[in-house]
C-alpha atoms as a PDB file:
ATOM      1  CA  MET A   1      65.588   6.021  83.843  1.00  0.00           C
ATOM      2  CA  SER A   2      66.028   9.354  82.694  1.00  0.00           C
ATOM      3  CA  ILE A   3      63.827  12.475  83.900  1.00  0.00           C
ATOM      4  CA  ASP A   4      62.560  12.452  80.930  1.00  0.00           C
ATOM      5  CA  GLU A   5      61.582   8.932  80.664  1.00  0.00           C
ATOM      6  CA  GLN A   6      60.090   9.110  84.394  1.00  0.00           C
ATOM      7  CA  LEU A   7      58.061  11.987  82.947  1.00  0.00           C
ATOM      8  CA  LEU A   8      56.594  10.541  79.894  1.00  0.00           C
ATOM      9  CA  GLN A   9      55.821   7.112  81.696  1.00  0.00           C
ATOM     10  CA  SER A  10      53.811   9.121  84.586  1.00  0.00           C
ATOM     11  CA  ILE A  11      51.739  10.788  81.863  1.00  0.00           C
ATOM     12  CA  ALA A  12      51.371   7.754  80.310  1.00  0.00           C
ATOM     13  CA  GLN A  13      49.992   5.777  83.451  1.00  0.00           C
ATOM     14  CA  GLN A  14      47.676   9.164  84.179  1.00  0.00           C
ATOM     15  CA  THR A  15      46.074   9.341  80.361  1.00  0.00           C
ATOM     16  CA  VAL A  16      45.717   5.288  79.836  1.00  0.00           C
ATOM     17  CA  ASP A  17      41.978   5.247  80.957  1.00  0.00           C
ATOM     18  CA  LEU A  18      40.919   8.093  78.998  1.00  0.00           C
ATOM     19  CA  GLU A  19      38.904   7.266  75.825  1.00  0.00           C
ATOM     20  CA  THR A  20      40.092   9.263  73.495  1.00  0.00           C
ATOM     21  CA  ASN A  21      43.450  10.144  72.065  1.00  0.00           C
ATOM     22  CA  HIS A  22      41.655  14.049  71.949  1.00  0.00           C
ATOM     23  CA  GLN A  23      41.271  13.199  75.851  1.00  0.00           C
ATOM     24  CA  ARG A  24      44.691  11.998  76.552  1.00  0.00           C
ATOM     25  CA  LEU A  25      46.489  15.269  74.317  1.00  0.00           C
ATOM     26  CA  ARG A  26      44.173  17.587  76.860  1.00  0.00           C
ATOM     27  CA  ARG A  27      45.386  15.550  79.947  1.00  0.00           C
ATOM     28  CA  ALA A  28      48.965  15.552  78.862  1.00  0.00           C
ATOM     29  CA  ALA A  29      49.503  19.226  78.248  1.00  0.00           C
ATOM     30  CA  GLU A  30      47.722  19.866  82.032  1.00  0.00           C
ATOM     31  CA  LEU A  31      50.490  17.869  83.220  1.00  0.00           C
ATOM     32  CA  LEU A  32      52.494  19.162  81.428  1.00  0.00           C
ATOM     33  CA  ASP A  33      51.776  22.550  82.069  1.00  0.00           C
ATOM     34  CA  LEU A  34      52.438  24.005  78.831  1.00  0.00           C
ATOM     35  CA  GLN A  35      52.564  27.846  79.171  1.00  0.00           C
ATOM     36  CA  PRO A  36      50.174  29.150  75.811  1.00  0.00           C
ATOM     37  CA  GLY A  37      51.426  31.174  73.070  1.00  0.00           C
ATOM     38  CA  LYS A  38      49.726  32.632  70.381  1.00  0.00           C
ATOM     39  CA  ILE A  39      50.080  32.191  66.572  1.00  0.00           C
ATOM     40  CA  ALA A  40      48.039  34.612  63.862  1.00  0.00           C
ATOM     41  CA  ILE A  41      45.851  31.662  62.983  1.00  0.00           C
ATOM     42  CA  THR A  42      41.742  31.850  62.343  1.00  0.00           C
ATOM     43  CA  ILE A  43      39.306  29.674  61.395  1.00  0.00           C
ATOM     44  CA  HIS A  44      36.798  31.245  59.882  1.00  0.00           C
ATOM     45  CA  ARG A  45      32.720  31.041  60.206  1.00  0.00           C
ATOM     46  CA  ASN A  46      32.544  29.243  56.894  1.00  0.00           C
ATOM     47  CA  GLY A  47      35.478  26.734  57.885  1.00  0.00           C
ATOM     48  CA  ASN A  48      38.558  28.123  55.984  1.00  0.00           C
ATOM     49  CA  TRP A  49      41.444  28.664  58.149  1.00  0.00           C
ATOM     50  CA  SER A  50      44.272  31.740  57.488  1.00  0.00           C
ATOM     51  CA  TYR A  51      47.837  32.780  58.758  1.00  0.00           C
ATOM     52  CA  GLN A  52      48.127  36.996  59.195  1.00  0.00           C
ATOM     53  CA  GLY A  53      45.248  36.903  56.693  1.00  0.00           C
ATOM     54  CA  SER A  54      46.121  34.639  53.841  1.00  0.00           C
ATOM     55  CA  VAL A  55      43.902  31.847  53.348  1.00  0.00           C
ATOM     56  CA  PHE A  56      45.389  28.661  54.086  1.00  0.00           C
ATOM     57  CA  GLU A  57      45.564  26.661  49.905  1.00  0.00           C
ATOM     58  CA  ARG A  58      46.720  23.450  50.948  1.00  0.00           C
ATOM     59  CA  ALA A  59      44.112  21.051  52.256  1.00  0.00           C
ATOM     60  CA  ALA A  60      46.613  18.379  54.117  1.00  0.00           C
ATOM     61  CA  MET A  61      47.939  21.570  56.056  1.00  0.00           C
ATOM     62  CA  VAL A  62      44.291  22.382  57.316  1.00  0.00           C
ATOM     63  CA  ASP A  63      43.998  18.771  57.481  1.00  0.00           C
ATOM     64  CA  LEU A  64      47.059  18.696  60.496  1.00  0.00           C
ATOM     65  CA  LEU A  65      46.513  21.742  62.055  1.00  0.00           C
ATOM     66  CA  ALA A  66      42.699  19.832  63.072  1.00  0.00           C
ATOM     67  CA  GLU A  67      44.062  16.940  64.468  1.00  0.00           C
ATOM     68  CA  ASN A  68      46.013  19.052  67.019  1.00  0.00           C
ATOM     69  CA  LEU A  69      43.500  21.397  67.505  1.00  0.00           C
ATOM     70  CA  VAL A  70      42.241  21.323  71.215  1.00  0.00           C
ATOM     71  CA  ALA A  71      39.637  23.428  73.164  1.00  0.00           C
ATOM     72  CA  PHE A  72      40.291  24.454  77.084  1.00  0.00           C
ATOM     73  CA  ASN A  73      37.817  27.472  78.577  1.00  0.00           C
ATOM     74  CA  ASP A  74      36.143  28.729  75.448  1.00  0.00           C
ATOM     75  CA  ARG A  75      39.665  29.187  73.859  1.00  0.00           C
ATOM     76  CA  TYR A  76      41.403  26.873  70.925  1.00  0.00           C
ATOM     77  CA  TYR A  77      44.260  26.017  71.106  1.00  0.00           C
ATOM     78  CA  LEU A  78      46.861  24.434  68.740  1.00  0.00           C
ATOM     79  CA  LEU A  79      49.464  21.398  70.710  1.00  0.00           C
ATOM     80  CA  ALA A  80      52.674  21.565  69.047  1.00  0.00           C
ATOM     81  CA  PRO A  81      55.744  20.679  70.899  1.00  0.00           C
ATOM     82  CA  GLU A  82      56.091  21.973  73.972  1.00  0.00           C
ATOM     83  CA  GLN A  83      53.836  24.355  73.641  1.00  0.00           C
ATOM     84  CA  LEU A  84      50.129  25.722  73.186  1.00  0.00           C
ATOM     85  CA  LEU A  85      49.501  27.960  70.908  1.00  0.00           C
ATOM     86  CA  GLU A  86      46.500  30.052  70.532  1.00  0.00           C
ATOM     87  CA  ILE A  87      44.698  30.755  67.289  1.00  0.00           C
ATOM     88  CA  VAL A  88      41.300  33.002  66.659  1.00  0.00           C
ATOM     89  CA  VAL A  89      38.231  31.181  66.392  1.00  0.00           C
ATOM     90  CA  GLU A  90      35.338  32.954  64.807  1.00  0.00           C
ATOM     91  CA  ASP A  91      32.045  30.715  65.486  1.00  0.00           C
ATOM     92  CA  LEU A  92      32.985  27.202  65.682  1.00  0.00           C
ATOM     93  CA  PRO A  93      36.230  25.622  64.068  1.00  0.00           C
ATOM     94  CA  PHE A  94      34.367  22.906  61.627  1.00  0.00           C
ATOM     95  CA  VAL A  95      31.129  23.674  59.456  1.00  0.00           C
ATOM     96  CA  VAL A  96      28.820  20.632  58.377  1.00  0.00           C
ATOM     97  CA  VAL A  97      28.551  20.463  54.627  1.00  0.00           C
ATOM     98  CA  ASP A  98      26.760  17.102  54.075  1.00  0.00           C
ATOM     99  CA  LEU A  99      24.272  14.904  56.107  1.00  0.00           C
ATOM    100  CA  ASN A 100      23.508  10.982  55.467  1.00  0.00           C
ATOM    101  CA  ARG A 101      20.645   9.291  56.898  1.00  0.00           C
ATOM    102  CA  SER A 102      21.035   5.308  56.665  1.00  0.00           C
ATOM    103  CA  SER A 103      18.649   3.394  54.319  1.00  0.00           C
ATOM    104  CA  ASP A 104      16.665   2.304  58.042  1.00  0.00           C
ATOM    105  CA  ASN A 105      16.389   5.749  58.933  1.00  0.00           C
ATOM    106  CA  ARG A 106      17.881   5.309  61.885  1.00  0.00           C
ATOM    107  CA  GLN A 107      21.545   7.070  62.169  1.00  0.00           C
ATOM    108  CA  VAL A 108      22.237  10.677  60.807  1.00  0.00           C
ATOM    109  CA  THR A 109      25.827  11.184  59.766  1.00  0.00           C
ATOM    110  CA  ALA A 110      27.578  14.670  59.845  1.00  0.00           C
ATOM    111  CA  THR A 111      30.721  15.356  57.364  1.00  0.00           C
ATOM    112  CA  THR A 112      32.491  18.260  57.825  1.00  0.00           C
ATOM    113  CA  ASN A 113      34.253  20.636  55.672  1.00  0.00           C
ATOM    114  CA  LEU A 114      37.399  18.800  56.536  1.00  0.00           C
ATOM    115  CA  ASN A 115      35.744  15.547  55.104  1.00  0.00           C
ATOM    116  CA  SER A 116      35.506  13.889  58.903  1.00  0.00           C
ATOM    117  CA  SER A 117      32.425  12.022  59.593  1.00  0.00           C
ATOM    118  CA  VAL A 118      30.386  11.251  62.929  1.00  0.00           C
ATOM    119  CA  ILE A 119      27.404   9.294  63.516  1.00  0.00           C
ATOM    120  CA  ILE A 120      25.288  11.825  65.152  1.00  0.00           C
ATOM    121  CA  ASN A 121      24.594   9.735  68.781  1.00  0.00           C
ATOM    122  CA  ASP A 122      25.546  10.491  72.757  1.00  0.00           C
ATOM    123  CA  ARG A 123      29.481  10.875  71.476  1.00  0.00           C
ATOM    124  CA  HIS A 124      28.787  12.997  69.035  1.00  0.00           C
ATOM    125  CA  PRO A 125      25.594  14.829  69.886  1.00  0.00           C
ATOM    126  CA  CYS A 126      23.620  17.551  68.141  1.00  0.00           C
ATOM    127  CA  TYR A 127      22.148  20.355  69.614  1.00  0.00           C
ATOM    128  CA  LEU A 128      21.602  23.887  69.788  1.00  0.00           C
ATOM    129  CA  SER A 129      24.272  27.113  70.017  1.00  0.00           C
ATOM    130  CA  ASN A 130      23.984  30.565  69.017  1.00  0.00           C
ATOM    131  CA  PRO A 131      26.642  31.816  66.836  1.00  0.00           C
ATOM    132  CA  PRO A 132      28.533  35.073  68.074  1.00  0.00           C
ATOM    133  CA  ASP A 133      26.329  38.631  67.270  1.00  0.00           C
ATOM    134  CA  SER A 134      23.792  36.470  66.897  1.00  0.00           C
ATOM    135  CA  ALA A 135      20.238  35.524  68.584  1.00  0.00           C
ATOM    136  CA  VAL A 136      19.084  32.463  66.806  1.00  0.00           C
ATOM    137  CA  ALA A 137      20.438  29.061  67.447  1.00  0.00           C
ATOM    138  CA  ILE A 138      22.003  27.191  65.361  1.00  0.00           C
ATOM    139  CA  PRO A 139      22.536  23.100  65.592  1.00  0.00           C
ATOM    140  CA  CYS A 140      26.057  22.001  65.913  1.00  0.00           C
ATOM    141  CA  VAL A 141      27.157  18.512  66.034  1.00  0.00           C
ATOM    142  CA  GLU A 142      30.204  18.230  68.330  1.00  0.00           C
ATOM    143  CA  LEU A 143      33.255  16.223  67.212  1.00  0.00           C
ATOM    144  CA  ARG A 144      35.232  15.769  70.137  1.00  0.00           C
ATOM    145  CA  SER A 145      35.519  17.008  73.272  1.00  0.00           C
ATOM    146  CA  GLY A 146      35.466  20.732  73.221  1.00  0.00           C
ATOM    147  CA  ILE A 147      35.447  20.637  69.189  1.00  0.00           C
ATOM    148  CA  ALA A 148      32.477  20.723  67.718  1.00  0.00           C
ATOM    149  CA  ALA A 149      30.832  22.185  64.503  1.00  0.00           C
ATOM    150  CA  ARG A 150      28.239  24.155  62.808  1.00  0.00           C
ATOM    151  CA  LEU A 151      25.245  23.068  60.262  1.00  0.00           C
ATOM    152  CA  SER A 152      25.484  25.059  57.291  1.00  0.00           C
ATOM    153  CA  ARG A 153      22.394  26.649  56.034  1.00  0.00           C
ATOM    154  CA  PRO A 154      21.276  24.034  53.513  1.00  0.00           C
ATOM    155  CA  MET A 155      22.499  21.451  55.615  1.00  0.00           C
ATOM    156  CA  TYR A 156      20.161  23.101  59.029  1.00  0.00           C
ATOM    157  CA  TYR A 157      17.341  22.498  56.382  1.00  0.00           C
ATOM    158  CA  GLN A 158      17.793  19.007  55.800  1.00  0.00           C
ATOM    159  CA  LEU A 159      18.044  18.622  59.189  1.00  0.00           C
ATOM    160  CA  LEU A 160      14.588  20.099  59.490  1.00  0.00           C
ATOM    161  CA  GLU A 161      13.508  18.072  57.283  1.00  0.00           C
ATOM    162  CA  TRP A 162      14.101  14.728  58.835  1.00  0.00           C
ATOM    163  CA  CYS A 163      13.056  16.138  62.248  1.00  0.00           C
ATOM    164  CA  GLU A 164       9.961  15.427  63.891  1.00  0.00           C
ATOM    165  CA  LEU A 165       7.268  17.458  65.379  1.00  0.00           C
ATOM    166  CA  GLU A 166       6.209  15.900  68.755  1.00  0.00           C
ATOM    167  CA  THR A 167       3.832  17.221  71.502  1.00  0.00           C
ATOM    168  CA  GLU A 168       4.518  17.048  75.426  1.00  0.00           C
ATOM    169  CA  GLU A 169       2.708  18.656  77.755  1.00  0.00           C
ATOM    170  CA  GLY A 170       0.905  20.503  75.487  1.00  0.00           C
ATOM    171  CA  GLU A 171       4.321  22.360  73.658  1.00  0.00           C
ATOM    172  CA  GLN A 172       5.658  21.555  70.177  1.00  0.00           C
ATOM    173  CA  TYR A 173       8.833  20.158  69.867  1.00  0.00           C
ATOM    174  CA  LEU A 174      11.114  19.742  66.641  1.00  0.00           C
ATOM    175  CA  ARG A 175      13.086  16.327  67.682  1.00  0.00           C
ATOM    176  CA  LEU A 176      15.711  14.670  65.935  1.00  0.00           C
ATOM    177  CA  TYR A 177      16.126  10.476  66.449  1.00  0.00           C
ATOM    178  CA  SER A 178      19.818   9.267  65.350  1.00  0.00           C
ATOM    179  CA  ASP A 179      21.616   6.239  66.505  1.00  0.00           C
ATOM    180  CA  GLY A 180      18.942   5.710  69.642  1.00  0.00           C
ATOM    181  CA  CYS A 181      19.526   8.719  70.781  1.00  0.00           C
ATOM    182  CA  ARG A 182      16.902  11.746  70.924  1.00  0.00           C
ATOM    183  CA  PHE A 183      18.015  15.365  70.674  1.00  0.00           C
ATOM    184  CA  GLU A 184      15.786  18.341  70.710  1.00  0.00           C
ATOM    185  CA  LEU A 185      15.963  20.961  68.331  1.00  0.00           C
ATOM    186  CA  GLY A 186      13.633  23.839  69.534  1.00  0.00           C
ATOM    187  CA  ARG A 187      10.759  24.330  70.942  1.00  0.00           C
ATOM    188  CA  ILE A 188       7.641  25.668  68.436  1.00  0.00           C
END
């Protein structure tokens, strides 16, 4: 067995118990001790991707890059053959552009600007975070480990309509229920 085959087998053994492909990619990158480089790709607050200031016109190219997007220590990288390429992300890499509720109102599905959908639940929680240079927290949905999507303004208002106002110990809270999970989205 060659050194390369031994290395790949070792990585496979160390990543087999991880739940998702994304977790396996992250662990493989750690094991390979890939040295990060940089590339002039920016993901803008509105969800557009650009290279050296020129917006990507081909959705298929953005989809391909997005599949290889990983996050380490609050930085974003594209996982490329034999290297990690650091990119600039102005806020979060994706934007929630559509929300749907199941007919029984028990599940909320979030769809991103790249047409990826997740059900908001314990694996894909909804939470508040502040965009850069903002004191106002806006809801986000975790898509995969370290990668999240910020709700667009219309989807933020839609989500607020679906939240329930609940009182607990004299305090009022906005809470969203989806897929058997409760998400606190603010105190009034």
